[in-house]
């Protein structure tokens, strides 16, 4: 059974940093495109950052310059480093693994940024 397990969320003050991790199991991790999405209360889930199997990266405009996505295929893990956090970054952050029509989601990790 495919599992994506996020970790690293928490409460942080504005201007602080967090590093989120997502460990995948039961998939051939290296062939999957990986992404981080987030969903704030009352809002739609949105893409934060994505990294393809070949390493191409894109970011949402709202986090450009503050976020870094990376992957370690040897560890089946994708990371999201978030710096200069803002209260509007408060959301549940979800990891996603995508290959063709297959999409798997993690359970999410809460990030709360206090002002």
C-alpha atoms as a PDB file:
ATOM      1  CA  UNK A   1       0.000   0.000   0.000  1.00  0.00           C
ATOM      2  CA  UNK A   2       1.393   3.370  -1.058  1.00  0.00           C
ATOM      3  CA  UNK A   3       2.120   5.694   1.828  1.00  0.00           C
ATOM      4  CA  UNK A   4       3.241   9.295   1.883  1.00  0.00           C
ATOM      5  CA  UNK A   5       4.078  10.499   5.365  1.00  0.00           C
ATOM      6  CA  UNK A   6       4.680  14.192   5.956  1.00  0.00           C
ATOM      7  CA  UNK A   7       6.530  15.606   8.929  1.00  0.00           C
ATOM      8  CA  UNK A   8       8.119  18.834  10.061  1.00  0.00           C
ATOM      9  CA  UNK A   9       5.081  21.037  10.483  1.00  0.00           C
ATOM     10  CA  UNK A  10       4.407  23.073  13.568  1.00  0.00           C
ATOM     11  CA  UNK A  11       3.986  26.510  15.043  1.00  0.00           C
ATOM     12  CA  UNK A  12       6.513  29.139  14.038  1.00  0.00           C
ATOM     13  CA  UNK A  13       6.740  32.904  14.337  1.00  0.00           C
ATOM     14  CA  UNK A  14       6.563  35.114  11.300  1.00  0.00           C
ATOM     15  CA  UNK A  15       9.979  35.363   9.713  1.00  0.00           C
ATOM     16  CA  UNK A  16      10.941  31.890  10.840  1.00  0.00           C
ATOM     17  CA  UNK A  17      11.691  28.749   8.870  1.00  0.00           C
ATOM     18  CA  UNK A  18      10.470  25.194   8.613  1.00  0.00           C
ATOM     19  CA  UNK A  19      11.603  22.155   6.707  1.00  0.00           C
ATOM     20  CA  UNK A  20       8.894  19.743   5.709  1.00  0.00           C
ATOM     21  CA  UNK A  21       9.663  16.163   4.763  1.00  0.00           C
ATOM     22  CA  UNK A  22       7.605  13.568   2.949  1.00  0.00           C
ATOM     23  CA  UNK A  23       8.705   9.968   3.004  1.00  0.00           C
ATOM     24  CA  UNK A  24       7.224   7.659   0.393  1.00  0.00           C
ATOM     25  CA  UNK A  25       6.894   3.907   0.461  1.00  0.00           C
ATOM     26  CA  UNK A  26       5.668   1.240  -1.929  1.00  0.00           C
ATOM     27  CA  UNK A  27       6.306   3.332  -5.035  1.00  0.00           C
ATOM     28  CA  UNK A  28       9.239   3.581  -7.426  1.00  0.00           C
ATOM     29  CA  UNK A  29       9.967   6.997  -6.032  1.00  0.00           C
ATOM     30  CA  UNK A  30      12.463   8.087  -8.675  1.00  0.00           C
ATOM     31  CA  UNK A  31       9.934   7.996 -11.514  1.00  0.00           C
ATOM     32  CA  UNK A  32       7.300  10.026  -9.692  1.00  0.00           C
ATOM     33  CA  UNK A  33       6.840  13.754  -9.956  1.00  0.00           C
ATOM     34  CA  UNK A  34       6.560  15.087  -6.425  1.00  0.00           C
ATOM     35  CA  UNK A  35       4.757  18.166  -5.203  1.00  0.00           C
ATOM     36  CA  UNK A  36       3.749  20.092  -2.130  1.00  0.00           C
ATOM     37  CA  UNK A  37       0.284  21.573  -1.941  1.00  0.00           C
ATOM     38  CA  UNK A  38      -1.395  23.476   0.862  1.00  0.00           C
ATOM     39  CA  UNK A  39      -4.900  24.224   1.973  1.00  0.00           C
ATOM     40  CA  UNK A  40      -5.823  27.057   4.285  1.00  0.00           C
ATOM     41  CA  UNK A  41      -9.169  27.124   6.118  1.00  0.00           C
ATOM     42  CA  UNK A  42     -11.968  28.078   3.753  1.00  0.00           C
ATOM     43  CA  UNK A  43      -9.705  28.033   0.710  1.00  0.00           C
ATOM     44  CA  UNK A  44      -8.997  25.634  -2.108  1.00  0.00           C
ATOM     45  CA  UNK A  45      -5.947  23.432  -2.099  1.00  0.00           C
ATOM     46  CA  UNK A  46      -3.154  25.083  -4.056  1.00  0.00           C
ATOM     47  CA  UNK A  47       0.176  24.022  -5.465  1.00  0.00           C
ATOM     48  CA  UNK A  48       3.165  25.337  -3.534  1.00  0.00           C
ATOM     49  CA  UNK A  49       6.081  23.684  -5.315  1.00  0.00           C
ATOM     50  CA  UNK A  50       6.768  20.742  -7.580  1.00  0.00           C
ATOM     51  CA  UNK A  51       9.794  18.774  -8.694  1.00  0.00           C
ATOM     52  CA  UNK A  52       9.696  16.364 -11.588  1.00  0.00           C
ATOM     53  CA  UNK A  53      11.426  13.008 -11.783  1.00  0.00           C
ATOM     54  CA  UNK A  54      14.162  14.695 -13.825  1.00  0.00           C
ATOM     55  CA  UNK A  55      14.577  17.515 -11.317  1.00  0.00           C
ATOM     56  CA  UNK A  56      12.721  20.355 -12.984  1.00  0.00           C
ATOM     57  CA  UNK A  57      11.214  22.670 -10.402  1.00  0.00           C
ATOM     58  CA  UNK A  58       8.453  25.217 -10.253  1.00  0.00           C
ATOM     59  CA  UNK A  59       7.034  27.323  -7.462  1.00  0.00           C
ATOM     60  CA  UNK A  60       3.861  29.226  -6.790  1.00  0.00           C
ATOM     61  CA  UNK A  61       4.397  32.958  -7.106  1.00  0.00           C
ATOM     62  CA  UNK A  62       3.435  33.366  -3.458  1.00  0.00           C
ATOM     63  CA  UNK A  63       6.468  31.395  -2.253  1.00  0.00           C
ATOM     64  CA  UNK A  64       9.092  32.163  -4.907  1.00  0.00           C
ATOM     65  CA  UNK A  65      12.320  33.220  -3.262  1.00  0.00           C
ATOM     66  CA  UNK A  66      11.209  31.801   0.095  1.00  0.00           C
ATOM     67  CA  UNK A  67      10.755  28.104  -0.680  1.00  0.00           C
ATOM     68  CA  UNK A  68      13.079  25.370  -1.856  1.00  0.00           C
ATOM     69  CA  UNK A  69      11.853  21.963  -2.931  1.00  0.00           C
ATOM     70  CA  UNK A  70      14.299  19.079  -3.203  1.00  0.00           C
ATOM     71  CA  UNK A  71      14.249  15.327  -3.388  1.00  0.00           C
ATOM     72  CA  UNK A  72      16.483  12.502  -2.280  1.00  0.00           C
ATOM     73  CA  UNK A  73      15.708   9.457  -4.385  1.00  0.00           C
ATOM     74  CA  UNK A  74      17.948   7.273  -2.248  1.00  0.00           C
ATOM     75  CA  UNK A  75      15.764   8.072   0.749  1.00  0.00           C
ATOM     76  CA  UNK A  76      12.446   8.172  -1.114  1.00  0.00           C
ATOM     77  CA  UNK A  77      11.906  11.597   0.393  1.00  0.00           C
ATOM     78  CA  UNK A  78      10.932  15.033  -0.844  1.00  0.00           C
ATOM     79  CA  UNK A  79      11.572  18.173   1.168  1.00  0.00           C
ATOM     80  CA  UNK A  80      10.186  21.674   1.308  1.00  0.00           C
ATOM     81  CA  UNK A  81      12.296  24.322   2.979  1.00  0.00           C
ATOM     82  CA  UNK A  82      10.260  27.409   3.773  1.00  0.00           C
ATOM     83  CA  UNK A  83      11.951  30.613   4.942  1.00  0.00           C
ATOM     84  CA  UNK A  84      10.672  34.060   5.867  1.00  0.00           C
ATOM     85  CA  UNK A  85       7.345  32.528   6.782  1.00  0.00           C
ATOM     86  CA  UNK A  86       4.263  34.738   6.814  1.00  0.00           C
ATOM     87  CA  UNK A  87       0.937  34.322   8.598  1.00  0.00           C
ATOM     88  CA  UNK A  88      -0.648  33.729   5.187  1.00  0.00           C
ATOM     89  CA  UNK A  89       1.488  30.597   4.853  1.00  0.00           C
ATOM     90  CA  UNK A  90      -0.639  29.015   7.581  1.00  0.00           C
ATOM     91  CA  UNK A  91      -2.227  25.890   6.105  1.00  0.00           C
ATOM     92  CA  UNK A  92      -2.190  22.137   6.047  1.00  0.00           C
ATOM     93  CA  UNK A  93       0.635  21.107   3.743  1.00  0.00           C
ATOM     94  CA  UNK A  94       0.154  17.972   1.661  1.00  0.00           C
ATOM     95  CA  UNK A  95       2.678  15.928  -0.224  1.00  0.00           C
ATOM     96  CA  UNK A  96       1.630  14.423  -3.567  1.00  0.00           C
ATOM     97  CA  UNK A  97       3.203  11.823  -5.816  1.00  0.00           C
ATOM     98  CA  UNK A  98       2.142  11.814  -9.452  1.00  0.00           C
ATOM     99  CA  UNK A  99       2.860   9.407 -12.301  1.00  0.00           C
ATOM    100  CA  UNK A 100       0.621   9.365 -15.329  1.00  0.00           C
ATOM    101  CA  UNK A 101      -2.946   9.145 -14.035  1.00  0.00           C
ATOM    102  CA  UNK A 102      -1.824   7.951 -10.612  1.00  0.00           C
ATOM    103  CA  UNK A 103      -1.850  10.492  -7.837  1.00  0.00           C
ATOM    104  CA  UNK A 104      -1.186   9.700  -4.213  1.00  0.00           C
ATOM    105  CA  UNK A 105      -1.595  12.093  -1.293  1.00  0.00           C
ATOM    106  CA  UNK A 106      -0.210  12.224   2.190  1.00  0.00           C
ATOM    107  CA  UNK A 107      -2.314  12.950   5.246  1.00  0.00           C
ATOM    108  CA  UNK A 108      -0.973  16.476   5.616  1.00  0.00           C
ATOM    109  CA  UNK A 109       1.000  18.381   8.203  1.00  0.00           C
ATOM    110  CA  UNK A 110      -0.171  21.587   9.849  1.00  0.00           C
ATOM    111  CA  UNK A 111       1.936  24.715   9.535  1.00  0.00           C
ATOM    112  CA  UNK A 112       0.864  27.666  11.651  1.00  0.00           C
ATOM    113  CA  UNK A 113       2.663  30.992  11.411  1.00  0.00           C
ATOM    114  CA  UNK A 114       1.985  33.471  14.184  1.00  0.00           C
ATOM    115  CA  UNK A 115       2.325  37.198  13.667  1.00  0.00           C
END
